[in-house]
Amino acid sequence: MLDNKSIIIGYSGHAYVVAESYLAKGGTINFYADLKEASKNPFNLEYLGFESDPNFKGWGKSLKYILGIGENNLREKVAKLILSNSDILENVIDPQALISKSAIIGNGVFASKGVLVNAFSTIGSFTILNTGCVIEHECEIGTAAHIAPGAVLSGNVKVGDRTFIGANTVIKQGVIIGDDVIIGAGSVIIENVSSNFKIVGNPGRIIK
């Protein structure tokens, strides 16, 4: 019987972190889905197959789905597939994350250890807030974005859909960053960034 049990989609490094946070909040995980059966199974989960396979065993059951995929575009695609077949996509908020009561959190969001989300910020669905990142007051994070470990977004920063903010990046207050942007680790962003650019350095500069 699969009903009322949980499944994590993806089962490697990032999924392990998500799983630990989910378990730390008192949840249980019973199954995993991935392209193929994993050679390592640290949480002793049962393999249900690949979620994009028409014969995937999970569809039609009352499973709670957990996103364990790190890559933004794939995570968004899989999240939409899940929601087309099931309405149960879990948020995973680590017990050591601090989320303001006034913040708005979407669906399928992961907030790792040490994350801080301050007053009146908005976090879009399928977004990753990775270890120790800081989202200051009134920031707006789009769908399926990834804020990497240690990144700091000062107040009123806007980040577009599927954008990746690298580890230890600092973004100045009020900066607007478009969709599908990649910002390299350790960058300092003091000006707006249009969609589809790659940015590195201090101050940030465009690279091809």
N, C-alpha and C. Protein backbone atom coordinates (compact mmCIF):
# COMPACT_ATOMS: atom_id res chain seq x y z
N MET A 1 0.85 -1.19 0.00
CA MET A 1 0.00 0.00 0.00
C MET A 1 0.89 1.25 0.00
N LEU A 2 0.74 2.13 -1.01
CA LEU A 2 1.57 3.31 -1.12
C LEU A 2 0.93 4.55 -0.51
N ASP A 3 -0.37 4.53 -0.30
CA ASP A 3 -1.08 5.73 0.10
C ASP A 3 -0.53 6.32 1.40
N ASN A 4 -0.49 7.68 1.45
CA ASN A 4 -0.09 8.43 2.64
C ASN A 4 1.37 8.23 3.02
N LYS A 5 2.19 7.86 2.06
CA LYS A 5 3.63 7.75 2.28
C LYS A 5 4.34 8.80 1.42
N SER A 6 5.65 8.94 1.65
CA SER A 6 6.41 10.00 1.00
C SER A 6 7.45 9.43 0.06
N ILE A 7 7.73 10.21 -1.00
CA ILE A 7 8.73 9.83 -1.99
C ILE A 7 9.57 11.05 -2.33
N ILE A 8 10.88 10.86 -2.42
CA ILE A 8 11.78 11.93 -2.83
C ILE A 8 12.17 11.70 -4.29
N ILE A 9 12.14 12.77 -5.07
CA ILE A 9 12.45 12.68 -6.49
C ILE A 9 13.89 13.14 -6.69
N GLY A 10 14.72 12.24 -7.21
CA GLY A 10 16.16 12.44 -7.24
C GLY A 10 16.76 11.80 -5.99
N TYR A 11 17.96 11.21 -6.14
CA TYR A 11 18.51 10.50 -4.98
C TYR A 11 20.03 10.51 -5.06
N SER A 12 20.60 11.71 -4.91
CA SER A 12 22.05 11.85 -4.80
C SER A 12 22.34 13.00 -3.84
N GLY A 13 23.46 13.72 -4.01
CA GLY A 13 23.94 14.65 -2.99
C GLY A 13 22.91 15.64 -2.47
N HIS A 14 22.30 16.42 -3.37
CA HIS A 14 21.33 17.41 -2.91
C HIS A 14 20.13 16.74 -2.24
N ALA A 15 19.68 15.63 -2.81
CA ALA A 15 18.54 14.92 -2.22
C ALA A 15 18.85 14.43 -0.82
N TYR A 16 20.11 14.05 -0.55
CA TYR A 16 20.46 13.61 0.80
C TYR A 16 20.26 14.74 1.81
N VAL A 17 20.65 15.97 1.42
CA VAL A 17 20.50 17.12 2.31
C VAL A 17 19.02 17.40 2.57
N VAL A 18 18.22 17.37 1.50
CA VAL A 18 16.78 17.58 1.63
C VAL A 18 16.17 16.52 2.54
N ALA A 19 16.56 15.27 2.31
CA ALA A 19 16.01 14.16 3.11
C ALA A 19 16.33 14.34 4.59
N GLU A 20 17.56 14.72 4.90
CA GLU A 20 17.93 14.92 6.31
C GLU A 20 17.06 16.00 6.97
N SER A 21 16.83 17.09 6.25
CA SER A 21 16.00 18.16 6.81
C SER A 21 14.56 17.70 7.00
N TYR A 22 14.04 16.94 6.05
CA TYR A 22 12.68 16.43 6.15
C TYR A 22 12.53 15.49 7.34
N LEU A 23 13.50 14.62 7.52
CA LEU A 23 13.47 13.68 8.63
C LEU A 23 13.63 14.41 9.97
N ALA A 24 14.46 15.47 9.97
CA ALA A 24 14.68 16.23 11.21
C ALA A 24 13.41 16.93 11.68
N LYS A 25 12.49 17.20 10.78
CA LYS A 25 11.21 17.82 11.13
C LYS A 25 10.18 16.78 11.56
N GLY A 26 10.58 15.51 11.60
CA GLY A 26 9.68 14.47 12.05
C GLY A 26 8.97 13.74 10.93
N GLY A 27 9.31 14.05 9.68
CA GLY A 27 8.71 13.33 8.56
C GLY A 27 9.36 11.97 8.33
N THR A 28 8.73 11.17 7.51
CA THR A 28 9.31 9.89 7.10
C THR A 28 9.33 9.84 5.58
N ILE A 29 10.34 9.20 5.02
CA ILE A 29 10.45 9.01 3.58
C ILE A 29 10.50 7.51 3.32
N ASN A 30 9.67 7.06 2.40
CA ASN A 30 9.55 5.63 2.14
C ASN A 30 10.16 5.20 0.82
N PHE A 31 10.12 6.09 -0.18
CA PHE A 31 10.49 5.71 -1.54
C PHE A 31 11.35 6.79 -2.18
N TYR A 32 12.00 6.41 -3.28
CA TYR A 32 12.66 7.40 -4.12
C TYR A 32 12.39 7.08 -5.58
N ALA A 33 12.50 8.13 -6.41
CA ALA A 33 12.41 7.97 -7.86
C ALA A 33 13.66 8.59 -8.47
N ASP A 34 14.18 7.93 -9.50
CA ASP A 34 15.35 8.44 -10.21
C ASP A 34 15.42 7.73 -11.55
N LEU A 35 16.32 8.22 -12.41
CA LEU A 35 16.44 7.64 -13.74
C LEU A 35 16.73 6.15 -13.69
N LYS A 36 17.55 5.75 -12.72
CA LYS A 36 17.84 4.32 -12.52
C LYS A 36 18.05 4.06 -11.04
N GLU A 37 18.02 2.82 -10.68
CA GLU A 37 18.18 2.45 -9.28
C GLU A 37 19.57 2.86 -8.79
N ALA A 38 19.65 3.46 -7.61
CA ALA A 38 20.90 4.01 -7.08
C ALA A 38 21.82 2.91 -6.57
N SER A 39 23.12 3.13 -6.75
CA SER A 39 24.10 2.18 -6.20
C SER A 39 24.28 2.40 -4.70
N LYS A 40 24.02 3.63 -4.24
CA LYS A 40 24.05 3.95 -2.81
C LYS A 40 22.63 4.24 -2.34
N ASN A 41 22.28 3.71 -1.18
CA ASN A 41 20.93 3.91 -0.65
C ASN A 41 21.03 4.21 0.85
N PRO A 42 21.54 5.41 1.21
CA PRO A 42 21.85 5.69 2.62
C PRO A 42 20.63 5.76 3.52
N PHE A 43 19.44 5.99 2.97
CA PHE A 43 18.24 6.08 3.78
C PHE A 43 17.37 4.82 3.66
N ASN A 44 17.89 3.80 2.98
CA ASN A 44 17.20 2.52 2.85
C ASN A 44 15.77 2.69 2.31
N LEU A 45 15.66 3.43 1.20
CA LEU A 45 14.37 3.68 0.58
C LEU A 45 14.10 2.67 -0.53
N GLU A 46 12.83 2.46 -0.79
CA GLU A 46 12.43 1.57 -1.88
C GLU A 46 12.37 2.34 -3.20
N TYR A 47 12.91 1.76 -4.25
CA TYR A 47 12.93 2.39 -5.57
C TYR A 47 11.61 2.14 -6.29
N LEU A 48 10.96 3.24 -6.73
CA LEU A 48 9.69 3.10 -7.45
C LEU A 48 9.82 3.32 -8.94
N GLY A 49 11.04 3.60 -9.42
CA GLY A 49 11.23 3.81 -10.85
C GLY A 49 11.49 5.27 -11.17
N PHE A 50 11.33 5.61 -12.44
CA PHE A 50 11.61 6.94 -12.96
C PHE A 50 10.30 7.68 -13.17
N GLU A 51 10.21 8.89 -12.61
CA GLU A 51 8.93 9.60 -12.61
C GLU A 51 8.41 9.95 -14.00
N SER A 52 9.32 10.03 -14.99
CA SER A 52 8.89 10.34 -16.36
C SER A 52 8.51 9.10 -17.16
N ASP A 53 8.68 7.94 -16.57
CA ASP A 53 8.28 6.69 -17.22
C ASP A 53 6.75 6.58 -17.17
N PRO A 54 6.09 6.29 -18.28
CA PRO A 54 4.62 6.15 -18.27
C PRO A 54 4.12 5.11 -17.29
N ASN A 55 4.98 4.14 -16.96
CA ASN A 55 4.58 3.07 -16.04
C ASN A 55 5.04 3.33 -14.60
N PHE A 56 5.41 4.58 -14.29
CA PHE A 56 5.85 4.91 -12.94
C PHE A 56 4.80 4.49 -11.91
N LYS A 57 5.26 3.80 -10.88
CA LYS A 57 4.35 3.19 -9.90
C LYS A 57 3.67 4.20 -8.98
N GLY A 58 4.21 5.42 -8.90
CA GLY A 58 3.68 6.37 -7.93
C GLY A 58 2.39 7.05 -8.32
N TRP A 59 2.17 7.26 -9.64
CA TRP A 59 0.99 8.02 -10.05
C TRP A 59 -0.30 7.30 -9.68
N GLY A 60 -1.25 8.07 -9.26
CA GLY A 60 -2.53 7.50 -8.86
C GLY A 60 -2.59 7.10 -7.40
N LYS A 61 -1.46 7.27 -6.71
CA LYS A 61 -1.43 6.97 -5.28
C LYS A 61 -1.32 8.26 -4.49
N SER A 62 -1.71 8.23 -3.23
CA SER A 62 -1.69 9.43 -2.38
C SER A 62 -0.32 9.59 -1.73
N LEU A 63 0.69 9.74 -2.55
CA LEU A 63 2.04 9.95 -2.06
C LEU A 63 2.29 11.43 -1.84
N LYS A 64 3.11 11.74 -0.83
CA LYS A 64 3.62 13.09 -0.64
C LYS A 64 4.96 13.18 -1.36
N TYR A 65 5.09 14.15 -2.28
CA TYR A 65 6.28 14.26 -3.12
C TYR A 65 7.23 15.31 -2.57
N ILE A 66 8.53 14.99 -2.58
CA ILE A 66 9.60 15.86 -2.11
C ILE A 66 10.59 16.04 -3.25
N LEU A 67 10.93 17.29 -3.56
CA LEU A 67 11.88 17.57 -4.63
C LEU A 67 13.31 17.42 -4.11
N GLY A 68 14.08 16.53 -4.74
CA GLY A 68 15.48 16.33 -4.37
C GLY A 68 16.42 16.63 -5.52
N ILE A 69 15.99 17.48 -6.44
CA ILE A 69 16.75 17.79 -7.66
C ILE A 69 17.36 19.18 -7.51
N GLY A 70 18.67 19.30 -7.77
CA GLY A 70 19.34 20.57 -7.59
C GLY A 70 19.30 21.49 -8.80
N GLU A 71 19.26 20.94 -10.01
CA GLU A 71 19.34 21.76 -11.23
C GLU A 71 18.01 22.44 -11.50
N ASN A 72 18.05 23.75 -11.72
CA ASN A 72 16.83 24.54 -11.72
C ASN A 72 15.82 24.14 -12.79
N ASN A 73 16.25 24.06 -14.05
CA ASN A 73 15.31 23.76 -15.13
C ASN A 73 14.67 22.40 -14.97
N LEU A 74 15.48 21.40 -14.61
CA LEU A 74 14.95 20.06 -14.41
C LEU A 74 14.02 20.02 -13.22
N ARG A 75 14.37 20.72 -12.14
CA ARG A 75 13.51 20.73 -10.95
C ARG A 75 12.14 21.32 -11.26
N GLU A 76 12.13 22.42 -12.03
CA GLU A 76 10.85 23.02 -12.41
C GLU A 76 10.02 22.07 -13.27
N LYS A 77 10.68 21.43 -14.24
CA LYS A 77 9.98 20.50 -15.12
C LYS A 77 9.36 19.34 -14.33
N VAL A 78 10.13 18.77 -13.43
CA VAL A 78 9.65 17.64 -12.64
C VAL A 78 8.54 18.09 -11.68
N ALA A 79 8.70 19.27 -11.09
CA ALA A 79 7.65 19.78 -10.18
C ALA A 79 6.33 19.92 -10.91
N LYS A 80 6.36 20.44 -12.12
CA LYS A 80 5.12 20.60 -12.89
C LYS A 80 4.54 19.23 -13.26
N LEU A 81 5.41 18.26 -13.54
CA LEU A 81 4.93 16.90 -13.82
C LEU A 81 4.24 16.33 -12.59
N ILE A 82 4.84 16.52 -11.43
CA ILE A 82 4.24 16.02 -10.19
C ILE A 82 2.87 16.66 -9.98
N LEU A 83 2.79 17.97 -10.14
CA LEU A 83 1.53 18.66 -9.88
C LEU A 83 0.45 18.33 -10.90
N SER A 84 0.85 17.84 -12.07
CA SER A 84 -0.14 17.41 -13.05
C SER A 84 -0.71 16.03 -12.71
N ASN A 85 -0.02 15.32 -11.80
CA ASN A 85 -0.46 13.98 -11.42
C ASN A 85 -0.85 13.86 -9.95
N SER A 86 -0.45 14.84 -9.14
CA SER A 86 -0.69 14.79 -7.70
C SER A 86 -0.72 16.22 -7.17
N ASP A 87 -1.48 16.45 -6.12
CA ASP A 87 -1.53 17.81 -5.56
C ASP A 87 -0.76 17.90 -4.25
N ILE A 88 0.10 16.92 -3.98
CA ILE A 88 0.82 16.91 -2.71
C ILE A 88 2.32 17.05 -2.98
N LEU A 89 2.80 18.30 -3.00
CA LEU A 89 4.22 18.60 -3.17
C LEU A 89 4.68 19.34 -1.92
N GLU A 90 5.56 18.70 -1.18
CA GLU A 90 5.92 19.16 0.16
C GLU A 90 6.93 20.31 0.15
N ASN A 91 6.75 21.27 1.05
CA ASN A 91 7.84 22.16 1.43
C ASN A 91 8.71 21.44 2.45
N VAL A 92 10.03 21.68 2.37
CA VAL A 92 10.95 21.11 3.35
C VAL A 92 11.71 22.27 3.98
N ILE A 93 11.39 22.57 5.22
CA ILE A 93 12.01 23.66 5.97
C ILE A 93 12.78 23.05 7.13
N ASP A 94 14.09 23.14 7.07
CA ASP A 94 14.91 22.55 8.13
C ASP A 94 14.59 23.20 9.49
N PRO A 95 14.65 22.43 10.57
CA PRO A 95 14.37 23.00 11.90
C PRO A 95 15.30 24.16 12.26
N GLN A 96 16.48 24.21 11.65
CA GLN A 96 17.43 25.29 11.95
C GLN A 96 17.30 26.47 11.00
N ALA A 97 16.31 26.47 10.13
CA ALA A 97 16.02 27.63 9.29
C ALA A 97 15.10 28.57 10.04
N LEU A 98 15.28 29.87 9.82
CA LEU A 98 14.44 30.89 10.45
C LEU A 98 13.67 31.63 9.36
N ILE A 99 12.38 31.43 9.33
CA ILE A 99 11.52 32.01 8.30
C ILE A 99 10.55 32.97 8.97
N SER A 100 10.56 34.24 8.56
CA SER A 100 9.64 35.21 9.13
C SER A 100 8.19 34.77 8.95
N LYS A 101 7.38 35.03 9.96
CA LYS A 101 5.96 34.71 9.86
C LYS A 101 5.26 35.53 8.79
N SER A 102 5.84 36.67 8.41
CA SER A 102 5.24 37.50 7.38
C SER A 102 5.72 37.15 5.97
N ALA A 103 6.67 36.22 5.86
CA ALA A 103 7.16 35.80 4.55
C ALA A 103 6.11 34.92 3.87
N ILE A 104 6.11 34.96 2.55
CA ILE A 104 5.21 34.13 1.74
C ILE A 104 6.06 33.08 1.06
N ILE A 105 5.74 31.81 1.30
CA ILE A 105 6.52 30.69 0.78
C ILE A 105 5.66 29.90 -0.20
N GLY A 106 6.19 29.63 -1.38
CA GLY A 106 5.45 28.89 -2.39
C GLY A 106 5.39 27.40 -2.10
N ASN A 107 5.24 26.62 -3.15
CA ASN A 107 5.06 25.18 -3.07
C ASN A 107 6.35 24.47 -3.47
N GLY A 108 6.71 23.40 -2.76
CA GLY A 108 7.90 22.64 -3.12
C GLY A 108 9.20 23.38 -2.86
N VAL A 109 9.23 24.23 -1.85
CA VAL A 109 10.42 25.01 -1.48
C VAL A 109 11.27 24.21 -0.51
N PHE A 110 12.60 24.34 -0.64
CA PHE A 110 13.52 23.75 0.33
C PHE A 110 14.32 24.88 0.98
N ALA A 111 14.32 24.94 2.31
CA ALA A 111 15.15 25.86 3.08
C ALA A 111 16.06 25.03 3.98
N SER A 112 17.34 25.12 3.77
CA SER A 112 18.32 24.27 4.46
C SER A 112 18.70 24.86 5.82
N LYS A 113 19.68 24.22 6.46
CA LYS A 113 20.14 24.64 7.79
C LYS A 113 20.68 26.08 7.73
N GLY A 114 20.35 26.86 8.74
CA GLY A 114 20.91 28.19 8.87
C GLY A 114 20.34 29.24 7.94
N VAL A 115 19.33 28.91 7.16
CA VAL A 115 18.71 29.89 6.27
C VAL A 115 17.94 30.92 7.09
N LEU A 116 18.03 32.19 6.67
CA LEU A 116 17.26 33.26 7.29
C LEU A 116 16.45 33.96 6.21
N VAL A 117 15.14 34.00 6.38
CA VAL A 117 14.25 34.74 5.49
C VAL A 117 13.56 35.79 6.34
N ASN A 118 13.80 37.06 6.02
CA ASN A 118 13.29 38.13 6.87
C ASN A 118 11.94 38.67 6.39
N ALA A 119 11.47 39.71 7.06
CA ALA A 119 10.09 40.16 6.97
C ALA A 119 9.62 40.47 5.56
N PHE A 120 8.43 39.96 5.24
CA PHE A 120 7.68 40.28 4.02
C PHE A 120 8.40 39.90 2.73
N SER A 121 9.30 38.95 2.82
CA SER A 121 9.90 38.39 1.60
C SER A 121 8.97 37.36 0.99
N THR A 122 9.15 37.13 -0.31
CA THR A 122 8.36 36.15 -1.05
C THR A 122 9.30 35.16 -1.72
N ILE A 123 9.06 33.87 -1.48
CA ILE A 123 9.89 32.81 -2.05
C ILE A 123 9.03 32.00 -3.01
N GLY A 124 9.40 32.00 -4.29
CA GLY A 124 8.61 31.31 -5.29
C GLY A 124 8.68 29.80 -5.18
N SER A 125 7.70 29.15 -5.77
CA SER A 125 7.62 27.69 -5.73
C SER A 125 8.86 27.05 -6.35
N PHE A 126 9.21 25.87 -5.84
CA PHE A 126 10.28 24.99 -6.33
C PHE A 126 11.67 25.60 -6.12
N THR A 127 11.79 26.62 -5.28
CA THR A 127 13.07 27.30 -5.05
C THR A 127 13.87 26.61 -3.96
N ILE A 128 15.20 26.65 -4.11
CA ILE A 128 16.12 26.15 -3.10
C ILE A 128 16.76 27.33 -2.39
N LEU A 129 16.66 27.36 -1.08
CA LEU A 129 17.42 28.27 -0.23
C LEU A 129 18.45 27.42 0.48
N ASN A 130 19.68 27.48 0.00
CA ASN A 130 20.69 26.54 0.49
C ASN A 130 21.36 27.03 1.77
N THR A 131 22.21 26.20 2.32
CA THR A 131 22.73 26.33 3.67
C THR A 131 23.23 27.74 3.98
N GLY A 132 22.67 28.35 5.01
CA GLY A 132 23.19 29.59 5.55
C GLY A 132 22.97 30.83 4.70
N CYS A 133 22.11 30.78 3.70
CA CYS A 133 21.87 31.99 2.91
C CYS A 133 20.95 32.94 3.67
N VAL A 134 21.05 34.24 3.34
CA VAL A 134 20.27 35.27 4.02
C VAL A 134 19.42 35.99 2.98
N ILE A 135 18.12 35.97 3.20
CA ILE A 135 17.16 36.68 2.36
C ILE A 135 16.58 37.80 3.22
N GLU A 136 17.02 39.02 2.98
CA GLU A 136 16.61 40.12 3.84
C GLU A 136 15.18 40.58 3.52
N HIS A 137 14.74 41.61 4.21
CA HIS A 137 13.35 42.08 4.15
C HIS A 137 12.90 42.41 2.73
N GLU A 138 11.69 42.00 2.43
CA GLU A 138 10.98 42.37 1.20
C GLU A 138 11.65 41.93 -0.09
N CYS A 139 12.47 40.90 -0.01
CA CYS A 139 13.03 40.32 -1.25
C CYS A 139 11.95 39.50 -1.95
N GLU A 140 12.11 39.36 -3.25
CA GLU A 140 11.19 38.57 -4.06
C GLU A 140 12.01 37.58 -4.90
N ILE A 141 11.85 36.30 -4.60
CA ILE A 141 12.56 35.23 -5.31
C ILE A 141 11.57 34.51 -6.22
N GLY A 142 11.93 34.34 -7.48
CA GLY A 142 11.01 33.73 -8.44
C GLY A 142 10.91 32.22 -8.32
N THR A 143 10.32 31.62 -9.34
CA THR A 143 10.09 30.18 -9.38
C THR A 143 11.36 29.43 -9.72
N ALA A 144 11.61 28.32 -9.01
CA ALA A 144 12.70 27.38 -9.31
C ALA A 144 14.07 28.05 -9.32
N ALA A 145 14.24 29.09 -8.50
CA ALA A 145 15.55 29.70 -8.32
C ALA A 145 16.37 28.87 -7.33
N HIS A 146 17.66 29.18 -7.26
CA HIS A 146 18.55 28.50 -6.31
C HIS A 146 19.48 29.55 -5.71
N ILE A 147 19.35 29.77 -4.41
CA ILE A 147 20.23 30.67 -3.68
C ILE A 147 21.22 29.78 -2.93
N ALA A 148 22.48 29.81 -3.36
CA ALA A 148 23.48 28.85 -2.89
C ALA A 148 23.97 29.19 -1.48
N PRO A 149 24.75 28.29 -0.87
CA PRO A 149 25.18 28.48 0.51
C PRO A 149 25.90 29.81 0.74
N GLY A 150 25.51 30.48 1.81
CA GLY A 150 26.20 31.68 2.25
C GLY A 150 25.89 32.95 1.48
N ALA A 151 25.04 32.88 0.47
CA ALA A 151 24.70 34.08 -0.29
C ALA A 151 23.88 35.04 0.57
N VAL A 152 24.06 36.34 0.34
CA VAL A 152 23.35 37.36 1.10
C VAL A 152 22.62 38.28 0.12
N LEU A 153 21.30 38.31 0.24
CA LEU A 153 20.47 39.22 -0.53
C LEU A 153 19.99 40.32 0.40
N SER A 154 20.49 41.54 0.19
CA SER A 154 20.06 42.66 1.02
C SER A 154 18.60 43.00 0.71
N GLY A 155 18.03 43.95 1.42
CA GLY A 155 16.60 44.21 1.32
C GLY A 155 16.14 44.58 -0.08
N ASN A 156 14.91 44.19 -0.38
CA ASN A 156 14.22 44.56 -1.63
C ASN A 156 14.90 44.06 -2.90
N VAL A 157 15.68 43.01 -2.80
CA VAL A 157 16.28 42.39 -4.00
C VAL A 157 15.22 41.54 -4.68
N LYS A 158 15.22 41.57 -6.01
CA LYS A 158 14.32 40.73 -6.81
C LYS A 158 15.15 39.78 -7.65
N VAL A 159 14.82 38.50 -7.59
CA VAL A 159 15.53 37.45 -8.33
C VAL A 159 14.52 36.72 -9.20
N GLY A 160 14.84 36.56 -10.49
CA GLY A 160 13.90 35.97 -11.44
C GLY A 160 13.83 34.46 -11.39
N ASP A 161 13.00 33.91 -12.25
CA ASP A 161 12.78 32.47 -12.33
C ASP A 161 14.04 31.75 -12.80
N ARG A 162 14.30 30.60 -12.18
CA ARG A 162 15.38 29.68 -12.57
C ARG A 162 16.77 30.30 -12.47
N THR A 163 16.88 31.41 -11.76
CA THR A 163 18.19 32.06 -11.59
C THR A 163 18.98 31.38 -10.48
N PHE A 164 20.29 31.29 -10.70
CA PHE A 164 21.20 30.67 -9.73
C PHE A 164 22.11 31.76 -9.16
N ILE A 165 22.09 31.91 -7.84
CA ILE A 165 22.94 32.86 -7.13
C ILE A 165 24.02 32.05 -6.42
N GLY A 166 25.29 32.20 -6.84
CA GLY A 166 26.37 31.36 -6.35
C GLY A 166 26.71 31.55 -4.89
N ALA A 167 27.44 30.60 -4.35
CA ALA A 167 27.81 30.60 -2.93
C ALA A 167 28.56 31.88 -2.56
N ASN A 168 28.20 32.43 -1.41
CA ASN A 168 28.85 33.61 -0.83
C ASN A 168 28.73 34.87 -1.69
N THR A 169 27.81 34.89 -2.61
CA THR A 169 27.52 36.10 -3.37
C THR A 169 26.82 37.11 -2.47
N VAL A 170 27.10 38.39 -2.70
CA VAL A 170 26.41 39.48 -1.99
C VAL A 170 25.71 40.35 -3.03
N ILE A 171 24.44 40.61 -2.80
CA ILE A 171 23.66 41.43 -3.73
C ILE A 171 23.17 42.68 -2.99
N LYS A 172 23.49 43.82 -3.57
CA LYS A 172 23.15 45.11 -2.97
C LYS A 172 21.64 45.30 -2.87
N GLN A 173 21.25 46.06 -1.86
CA GLN A 173 19.84 46.36 -1.66
C GLN A 173 19.21 46.97 -2.91
N GLY A 174 18.01 46.47 -3.25
CA GLY A 174 17.22 47.02 -4.34
C GLY A 174 17.57 46.54 -5.73
N VAL A 175 18.59 45.70 -5.87
CA VAL A 175 19.00 45.20 -7.19
C VAL A 175 17.95 44.25 -7.74
N ILE A 176 17.75 44.31 -9.06
CA ILE A 176 16.81 43.44 -9.75
C ILE A 176 17.59 42.52 -10.69
N ILE A 177 17.38 41.22 -10.56
CA ILE A 177 18.07 40.22 -11.37
C ILE A 177 17.02 39.45 -12.16
N GLY A 178 17.25 39.28 -13.45
CA GLY A 178 16.26 38.68 -14.33
C GLY A 178 16.16 37.17 -14.23
N ASP A 179 15.48 36.58 -15.20
CA ASP A 179 15.29 35.13 -15.27
C ASP A 179 16.53 34.46 -15.86
N ASP A 180 16.76 33.21 -15.47
CA ASP A 180 17.78 32.35 -16.08
C ASP A 180 19.16 32.99 -16.05
N VAL A 181 19.46 33.69 -14.98
CA VAL A 181 20.78 34.28 -14.76
C VAL A 181 21.62 33.30 -13.93
N ILE A 182 22.92 33.28 -14.20
CA ILE A 182 23.87 32.52 -13.37
C ILE A 182 24.88 33.51 -12.82
N ILE A 183 24.98 33.55 -11.49
CA ILE A 183 25.95 34.42 -10.82
C ILE A 183 26.97 33.53 -10.11
N GLY A 184 28.23 33.73 -10.46
CA GLY A 184 29.29 32.88 -9.93
C GLY A 184 29.55 33.09 -8.45
N ALA A 185 30.14 32.11 -7.83
CA ALA A 185 30.43 32.14 -6.40
C ALA A 185 31.28 33.35 -6.04
N GLY A 186 30.95 33.96 -4.90
CA GLY A 186 31.75 35.06 -4.38
C GLY A 186 31.59 36.38 -5.09
N SER A 187 30.61 36.51 -5.95
CA SER A 187 30.41 37.75 -6.69
C SER A 187 29.77 38.81 -5.80
N VAL A 188 29.95 40.06 -6.20
CA VAL A 188 29.29 41.19 -5.55
C VAL A 188 28.51 41.94 -6.62
N ILE A 189 27.20 41.97 -6.46
CA ILE A 189 26.32 42.52 -7.49
C ILE A 189 25.75 43.83 -6.98
N ILE A 190 26.09 44.93 -7.68
CA ILE A 190 25.67 46.26 -7.23
C ILE A 190 24.76 46.94 -8.25
N GLU A 191 24.54 46.31 -9.41
CA GLU A 191 23.67 46.86 -10.44
C GLU A 191 22.70 45.79 -10.93
N ASN A 192 21.61 46.22 -11.55
CA ASN A 192 20.63 45.28 -12.09
C ASN A 192 21.26 44.37 -13.13
N VAL A 193 20.72 43.14 -13.25
CA VAL A 193 21.21 42.15 -14.22
C VAL A 193 20.03 41.70 -15.07
N SER A 194 20.15 41.84 -16.39
CA SER A 194 19.09 41.39 -17.30
C SER A 194 19.06 39.87 -17.38
N SER A 195 17.96 39.34 -17.90
CA SER A 195 17.79 37.89 -18.04
C SER A 195 18.85 37.27 -18.94
N ASN A 196 19.17 35.99 -18.65
CA ASN A 196 20.00 35.14 -19.51
C ASN A 196 21.47 35.53 -19.57
N PHE A 197 21.97 36.22 -18.55
CA PHE A 197 23.38 36.55 -18.49
C PHE A 197 24.09 35.70 -17.45
N LYS A 198 25.41 35.54 -17.65
CA LYS A 198 26.29 34.95 -16.64
C LYS A 198 27.17 36.06 -16.09
N ILE A 199 27.25 36.15 -14.75
CA ILE A 199 27.94 37.24 -14.08
C ILE A 199 28.93 36.66 -13.07
N VAL A 200 30.15 37.23 -13.02
CA VAL A 200 31.12 36.83 -12.00
C VAL A 200 31.87 38.07 -11.50
N GLY A 201 32.48 37.96 -10.33
CA GLY A 201 33.44 38.95 -9.89
C GLY A 201 32.91 40.00 -8.93
N ASN A 202 33.85 40.87 -8.52
CA ASN A 202 33.57 41.98 -7.59
C ASN A 202 34.21 43.24 -8.15
N PRO A 203 33.39 44.17 -8.70
CA PRO A 203 31.94 44.02 -8.90
C PRO A 203 31.63 43.06 -10.03
N GLY A 204 30.38 42.58 -10.07
CA GLY A 204 29.99 41.60 -11.06
C GLY A 204 30.16 42.10 -12.49
N ARG A 205 30.66 41.22 -13.36
CA ARG A 205 30.80 41.56 -14.78
C ARG A 205 30.27 40.41 -15.62
N ILE A 206 29.79 40.73 -16.79
CA ILE A 206 29.22 39.73 -17.69
C ILE A 206 30.33 38.89 -18.31
N ILE A 207 30.09 37.58 -18.39
CA ILE A 207 31.00 36.70 -19.13
C ILE A 207 30.19 35.96 -20.18
N LYS A 208 30.87 35.48 -21.21
CA LYS A 208 30.21 34.70 -22.28
C LYS A 208 30.34 33.22 -21.96
